[in-house]
Amino acid sequence: MGKKKGCLYLVGTPIGNLDDITARAIETLKATDVIACEDTRQTRKLLAHYKINKKRLLRCDQHITYAVGRELVELFNQGLSIAYVADSGMPGISDPGASLVRLCVDNHIEVIPIPGPNAAVTALAASGFNCSSFIFEGYLPRKPQERQTRIQRLKSLEMPIVIYASPHRVKRILTDIAAEMPDREIVICREMTKINEEVLRGTAEEVNLELDEDRTRGEFVLVVDRAADSEDNRFVMDNVPADRIERALRICIQNFELSPNNASKVISAILGIPKQEIYHLAVTIPRRRPPR
């Protein structure tokens, strides 16, 4: 009878706050023979915090080479257990973990997930949108034309969209979203679970204006709400006269100087009408009353 193969543990680690880790994850990291990771420097800091010492680290970044793959398979065949950790969060989502799992599946090696934090799900929970279903887009293409084409395809989807963005591209992404989906509500989560954690809400244009240089640091998760004409958001306003809605919006925008987005929120709460239904009308109202 041959020697039993080792297995791969996908270990979820914090997305920012180092207290957000499970006891099971720490015990797994202590017990495994080898820890594979995206960045050995980042992982050493993580292990030092939890007082996990003298572990063999094996770098598995986005380019898992043939040589690294063969080394991993050999370790598994020797009966060694390997934990894989991403730089943050649950491995296998927008990181090399997916390739590593595929390698194990192809070589009949058991894969055991150790659940942990996930930035996309955390942002969805904070969004307040209907998230019974959603699209995880991850990182958009770097090239402007490819990114704009992708956003054009995403705008008709009838469910929220989750997008990851680096600090160097977040404002460009918001500009592209504003061009294709000017009235769509967006929630941006920055530096989640960290000291400078921040959640911004509004349209892409409004949020982009709020993001000055000091606030474009760290990693971003964008949640774009579903299209306004999706089944769950359709609302027939026959019972609320359009002129009543318009008058209320004019008061908010012209008298109280609210933005179209904030005015829509107020009227939505008062009349019980979905905000996106109102926003289409709000953006047509001038900020100032015409002179008499």
Protein backbone atom coordinates (compact mmCIF):
# COMPACT_ATOMS: atom_id res chain seq x y z
CA MET A 1 0.00 0.00 0.00
CA GLY A 2 1.44 3.37 -1.07
CA LYS A 3 2.12 6.26 1.22
CA LYS A 4 -0.88 8.51 1.76
CA LYS A 5 -0.67 11.80 -0.09
CA GLY A 6 -0.64 15.10 1.70
CA CYS A 7 -3.38 17.67 1.24
CA LEU A 8 -3.78 21.35 0.50
CA TYR A 9 -5.40 23.69 3.04
CA LEU A 10 -6.77 26.97 1.71
CA VAL A 11 -6.51 29.20 4.76
CA GLY A 12 -8.48 32.43 5.02
CA THR A 13 -6.52 35.28 6.62
CA PRO A 14 -7.54 38.82 7.65
CA ILE A 15 -8.24 41.47 5.03
CA GLY A 16 -6.84 44.14 7.35
CA ASN A 17 -7.50 43.78 11.06
CA LEU A 18 -5.32 40.94 12.34
CA ASP A 19 -7.92 40.00 14.97
CA ASP A 20 -10.18 38.77 12.16
CA ILE A 21 -8.84 35.23 11.98
CA THR A 22 -10.33 31.98 13.21
CA ALA A 23 -8.77 29.69 15.79
CA ARG A 24 -8.99 26.90 13.21
CA ALA A 25 -6.93 28.94 10.72
CA ILE A 26 -4.17 29.54 13.29
CA GLU A 27 -4.08 25.87 14.28
CA THR A 28 -3.89 24.84 10.62
CA LEU A 29 -0.97 27.18 9.95
CA LYS A 30 0.83 25.76 12.98
CA ALA A 31 0.18 22.14 12.02
CA THR A 32 1.02 22.11 8.30
CA ASP A 33 4.48 21.18 7.06
CA VAL A 34 4.81 23.92 4.46
CA ILE A 35 3.09 27.27 3.89
CA ALA A 36 2.72 28.39 0.30
CA CYS A 37 2.03 32.09 -0.19
CA GLU A 38 1.86 34.98 -2.64
CA ASP A 39 4.50 37.08 -0.88
CA THR A 40 6.88 35.57 1.68
CA ARG A 41 7.54 38.96 3.32
CA GLN A 42 3.85 39.58 3.92
CA THR A 43 3.31 36.06 5.21
CA ARG A 44 6.29 36.24 7.61
CA LYS A 45 4.71 39.33 9.22
CA LEU A 46 1.43 37.45 9.56
CA LEU A 47 3.07 34.39 11.11
CA ALA A 48 5.16 36.51 13.49
CA HIS A 49 2.00 38.20 14.78
CA TYR A 50 0.49 34.83 15.68
CA LYS A 51 3.82 33.51 17.01
CA ILE A 52 4.10 30.80 14.37
CA ASN A 53 7.82 30.21 13.89
CA LYS A 54 10.23 28.08 11.88
CA LYS A 55 7.92 27.37 9.00
CA ARG A 56 9.13 26.58 5.51
CA LEU A 57 7.65 29.12 3.10
CA LEU A 58 7.22 28.49 -0.60
CA ARG A 59 6.37 31.39 -2.87
CA CYS A 60 3.44 30.78 -5.23
CA ASP A 61 2.64 34.08 -6.92
CA GLN A 62 0.50 34.74 -9.97
CA HIS A 63 3.03 32.93 -12.17
CA ILE A 64 3.12 29.39 -10.81
CA THR A 65 5.89 27.94 -12.93
CA TYR A 66 6.20 24.37 -14.07
CA ALA A 67 9.13 23.88 -11.66
CA VAL A 68 7.15 25.18 -8.67
CA GLY A 69 4.20 23.01 -9.64
CA ARG A 70 6.37 19.89 -9.80
CA GLU A 71 7.90 20.73 -6.42
CA LEU A 72 4.46 21.07 -4.85
CA VAL A 73 3.25 17.78 -6.31
CA GLU A 74 6.37 16.04 -5.04
CA LEU A 75 5.79 17.42 -1.53
CA PHE A 76 2.19 16.20 -1.60
CA ASN A 77 3.33 12.77 -2.80
CA GLN A 78 5.71 12.62 0.15
CA GLY A 79 2.69 12.94 2.44
CA LEU A 80 3.35 16.55 3.44
CA SER A 81 0.49 18.93 4.15
CA ILE A 82 0.63 22.42 2.66
CA ALA A 83 -1.33 25.52 3.66
CA TYR A 84 -1.85 28.23 1.08
CA VAL A 85 -2.47 31.83 2.13
CA ALA A 86 -3.11 34.84 -0.09
CA ASP A 87 -1.80 38.28 0.81
CA SER A 88 -5.17 38.85 2.46
CA GLY A 89 -8.60 37.27 2.66
CA MET A 90 -9.88 33.94 1.42
CA PRO A 91 -7.56 32.31 -1.16
CA GLY A 92 -8.77 31.36 -4.61
CA ILE A 93 -10.53 34.65 -5.39
CA SER A 94 -8.52 36.97 -7.64
CA ASP A 95 -5.23 35.39 -6.54
CA PRO A 96 -3.04 32.40 -7.53
CA GLY A 97 -5.00 30.08 -5.25
CA ALA A 98 -7.27 29.03 -8.11
CA SER A 99 -4.31 27.74 -10.14
CA LEU A 100 -2.99 25.88 -7.13
CA VAL A 101 -6.36 24.19 -6.55
CA ARG A 102 -6.49 23.19 -10.20
CA LEU A 103 -3.02 21.64 -9.86
CA CYS A 104 -4.21 19.61 -6.89
CA VAL A 105 -7.43 18.50 -8.59
CA ASP A 106 -5.49 17.35 -11.65
CA ASN A 107 -3.14 15.33 -9.42
CA HIS A 108 -5.87 13.83 -7.19
CA ILE A 109 -4.75 15.75 -4.10
CA GLU A 110 -7.35 16.63 -1.48
CA VAL A 111 -8.22 20.31 -1.03
CA ILE A 112 -9.62 21.49 2.32
CA PRO A 113 -10.88 25.09 2.64
CA ILE A 114 -10.48 26.85 6.00
CA PRO A 115 -13.02 29.70 5.69
CA GLY A 116 -12.07 33.26 6.43
CA PRO A 117 -12.75 36.91 5.56
CA ASN A 118 -13.52 38.00 2.02
CA ALA A 119 -13.40 41.61 0.85
CA ALA A 120 -16.12 41.23 -1.80
CA VAL A 121 -18.70 39.72 0.56
CA THR A 122 -17.83 42.21 3.32
CA ALA A 123 -18.43 45.14 0.95
CA LEU A 124 -21.69 43.62 -0.29
CA ALA A 125 -22.92 43.30 3.28
CA ALA A 126 -22.18 47.00 3.88
CA SER A 127 -23.76 48.15 0.61
CA GLY A 128 -27.41 47.86 1.58
CA PHE A 129 -28.24 46.62 -1.93
CA ASN A 130 -30.35 43.57 -2.69
CA CYS A 131 -27.58 40.97 -2.83
CA SER A 132 -29.59 37.78 -3.18
CA SER A 133 -27.50 37.37 -6.33
CA PHE A 134 -24.51 39.34 -7.57
CA ILE A 135 -21.67 39.40 -10.09
CA PHE A 136 -18.06 39.25 -8.90
CA GLU A 137 -16.05 41.02 -11.60
CA GLY A 138 -12.78 41.35 -9.68
CA TYR A 139 -10.17 43.57 -11.35
CA LEU A 140 -11.18 45.31 -14.57
CA PRO A 141 -8.78 45.36 -17.56
CA ARG A 142 -5.92 47.84 -17.32
CA LYS A 143 -6.16 49.16 -20.87
CA PRO A 144 -8.75 51.98 -21.11
CA GLN A 145 -10.53 50.69 -24.22
CA GLU A 146 -10.82 47.15 -22.87
CA ARG A 147 -12.02 48.46 -19.51
CA GLN A 148 -14.68 50.69 -21.09
CA THR A 149 -15.89 47.82 -23.28
CA ARG A 150 -16.18 45.59 -20.23
CA ILE A 151 -18.16 48.22 -18.29
CA GLN A 152 -20.53 48.60 -21.24
CA ARG A 153 -21.26 44.88 -21.04
CA LEU A 154 -21.72 44.99 -17.27
CA LYS A 155 -24.22 47.86 -17.18
CA SER A 156 -27.21 45.79 -18.32
CA LEU A 157 -26.82 43.14 -15.62
CA GLU A 158 -29.77 42.87 -13.26
CA MET A 159 -27.73 42.31 -10.11
CA PRO A 160 -25.07 44.21 -8.12
CA ILE A 161 -21.51 44.12 -9.46
CA VAL A 162 -18.42 43.83 -7.24
CA ILE A 163 -15.21 45.35 -8.60
CA TYR A 164 -11.73 45.43 -7.07
CA ALA A 165 -9.62 48.53 -7.74
CA SER A 166 -6.07 49.57 -6.92
CA PRO A 167 -5.41 53.13 -5.67
CA HIS A 168 -3.72 53.98 -8.98
CA ARG A 169 -6.79 53.17 -11.08
CA VAL A 170 -9.82 53.78 -8.87
CA LYS A 171 -10.52 57.31 -10.14
CA ARG A 172 -10.19 56.26 -13.78
CA ILE A 173 -12.56 53.36 -13.16
CA LEU A 174 -15.10 55.69 -11.54
CA THR A 175 -14.85 58.05 -14.52
CA ASP A 176 -15.57 55.17 -16.89
CA ILE A 177 -18.50 53.96 -14.77
CA ALA A 178 -19.91 57.50 -14.62
CA ALA A 179 -19.82 57.69 -18.43
CA GLU A 180 -21.77 54.45 -18.87
CA MET A 181 -23.92 54.37 -15.71
CA PRO A 182 -24.31 58.01 -14.56
CA ASP A 183 -27.36 57.40 -12.36
CA ARG A 184 -26.29 54.09 -10.82
CA GLU A 185 -25.73 54.08 -7.05
CA ILE A 186 -22.28 52.95 -5.95
CA VAL A 187 -20.76 52.02 -2.61
CA ILE A 188 -16.98 52.19 -2.27
CA CYS A 189 -15.25 50.50 0.65
CA ARG A 190 -11.69 51.63 1.31
CA GLU A 191 -9.20 50.03 3.69
CA MET A 192 -11.82 47.70 5.13
CA THR A 193 -11.32 46.65 8.78
CA LYS A 194 -8.27 48.94 9.07
CA ILE A 195 -7.83 52.18 11.03
CA ASN A 196 -8.64 54.35 8.00
CA GLU A 197 -11.66 52.30 6.94
CA GLU A 198 -14.15 54.36 4.95
CA VAL A 199 -17.41 53.75 3.08
CA LEU A 200 -18.54 56.26 0.44
CA ARG A 201 -21.97 56.26 -1.20
CA GLY A 202 -23.40 58.06 -4.20
CA THR A 203 -23.12 58.02 -7.97
CA ALA A 204 -19.74 57.34 -9.57
CA GLU A 205 -19.30 61.04 -10.33
CA GLU A 206 -20.18 62.12 -6.78
CA VAL A 207 -17.89 59.59 -5.15
CA ASN A 208 -15.06 60.44 -7.54
CA LEU A 209 -15.29 64.08 -6.49
CA GLU A 210 -14.94 63.05 -2.84
CA LEU A 211 -11.77 61.06 -3.46
CA ASP A 212 -8.90 63.48 -3.11
CA GLU A 213 -5.24 62.39 -3.18
CA ASP A 214 -5.16 61.45 0.52
CA ARG A 215 -8.18 59.19 0.12
CA THR A 216 -6.90 57.19 -2.86
CA ARG A 217 -4.55 55.12 -0.76
CA GLY A 218 -5.11 51.48 0.07
CA GLU A 219 -7.25 48.92 -1.71
CA PHE A 220 -10.81 49.57 -2.87
CA VAL A 221 -13.90 47.45 -3.35
CA LEU A 222 -16.65 48.98 -5.49
CA VAL A 223 -20.22 47.70 -5.38
CA VAL A 224 -22.37 48.97 -8.26
CA ASP A 225 -26.10 48.58 -7.76
CA ARG A 226 -28.24 46.69 -10.25
CA ALA A 227 -29.80 48.35 -13.28
CA ALA A 228 -32.83 50.47 -12.38
CA ASP A 229 -35.13 48.56 -14.71
CA SER A 230 -34.41 45.13 -13.23
CA GLU A 231 -37.44 43.18 -12.06
CA ASP A 232 -36.91 43.78 -8.35
CA ASN A 233 -36.45 47.54 -8.82
CA ARG A 234 -39.33 48.26 -11.20
CA PHE A 235 -41.97 50.43 -9.63
CA VAL A 236 -45.12 51.79 -11.17
CA MET A 237 -45.66 55.28 -9.79
CA ASP A 238 -49.33 55.53 -10.83
CA ASN A 239 -50.38 56.16 -7.23
CA VAL A 240 -47.93 59.05 -6.79
CA PRO A 241 -48.46 61.94 -9.22
CA ALA A 242 -45.30 62.88 -11.10
CA ASP A 243 -45.79 66.59 -10.39
CA ARG A 244 -45.82 65.85 -6.66
CA ILE A 245 -42.48 64.06 -6.93
CA GLU A 246 -41.04 66.88 -9.03
CA ARG A 247 -42.18 69.56 -6.56
CA ALA A 248 -40.62 67.65 -3.67
CA LEU A 249 -37.36 67.26 -5.58
CA ARG A 250 -37.27 70.97 -6.45
CA ILE A 251 -37.64 71.88 -2.79
CA CYS A 252 -34.79 69.58 -1.81
CA ILE A 253 -32.48 70.61 -4.63
CA GLN A 254 -33.22 74.32 -4.98
CA ASN A 255 -34.28 75.36 -1.46
CA PHE A 256 -32.14 73.02 0.63
CA GLU A 257 -29.33 72.73 -1.96
CA LEU A 258 -29.16 68.93 -1.82
CA SER A 259 -27.44 67.01 -4.59
CA PRO A 260 -29.71 65.01 -6.94
CA ASN A 261 -28.48 61.83 -5.26
CA ASN A 262 -29.24 63.01 -1.71
CA ALA A 263 -32.55 64.56 -2.77
CA SER A 264 -33.56 61.23 -4.31
CA LYS A 265 -32.70 59.44 -1.06
CA VAL A 266 -34.88 61.83 0.96
CA ILE A 267 -37.89 61.57 -1.36
CA SER A 268 -37.45 57.80 -1.62
CA ALA A 269 -37.68 57.50 2.17
CA ILE A 270 -40.74 59.77 2.37
CA LEU A 271 -42.76 58.33 -0.53
CA GLY A 272 -41.55 54.74 -0.42
CA ILE A 273 -40.37 54.81 -4.04
CA PRO A 274 -37.07 53.19 -5.06
CA LYS A 275 -34.37 55.83 -5.24
CA GLN A 276 -33.27 54.96 -8.75
CA GLU A 277 -36.79 55.61 -10.07
CA ILE A 278 -36.61 59.14 -8.66
CA TYR A 279 -33.03 59.89 -9.62
CA HIS A 280 -33.85 59.94 -13.37
CA LEU A 281 -36.13 62.94 -12.66
CA ALA A 282 -33.81 64.57 -10.09
CA VAL A 283 -30.93 65.02 -12.53
CA THR A 284 -33.17 67.08 -14.85
CA ILE A 285 -33.91 69.70 -12.18
CA PRO A 286 -31.58 72.75 -12.19
CA ARG A 287 -29.71 73.47 -8.97
CA ARG A 288 -31.00 77.06 -8.85
CA ARG A 289 -34.49 78.40 -9.37
CA PRO A 290 -34.87 80.49 -12.53
CA PRO A 291 -35.16 84.26 -11.88
CA ARG A 292 -38.67 85.69 -11.91
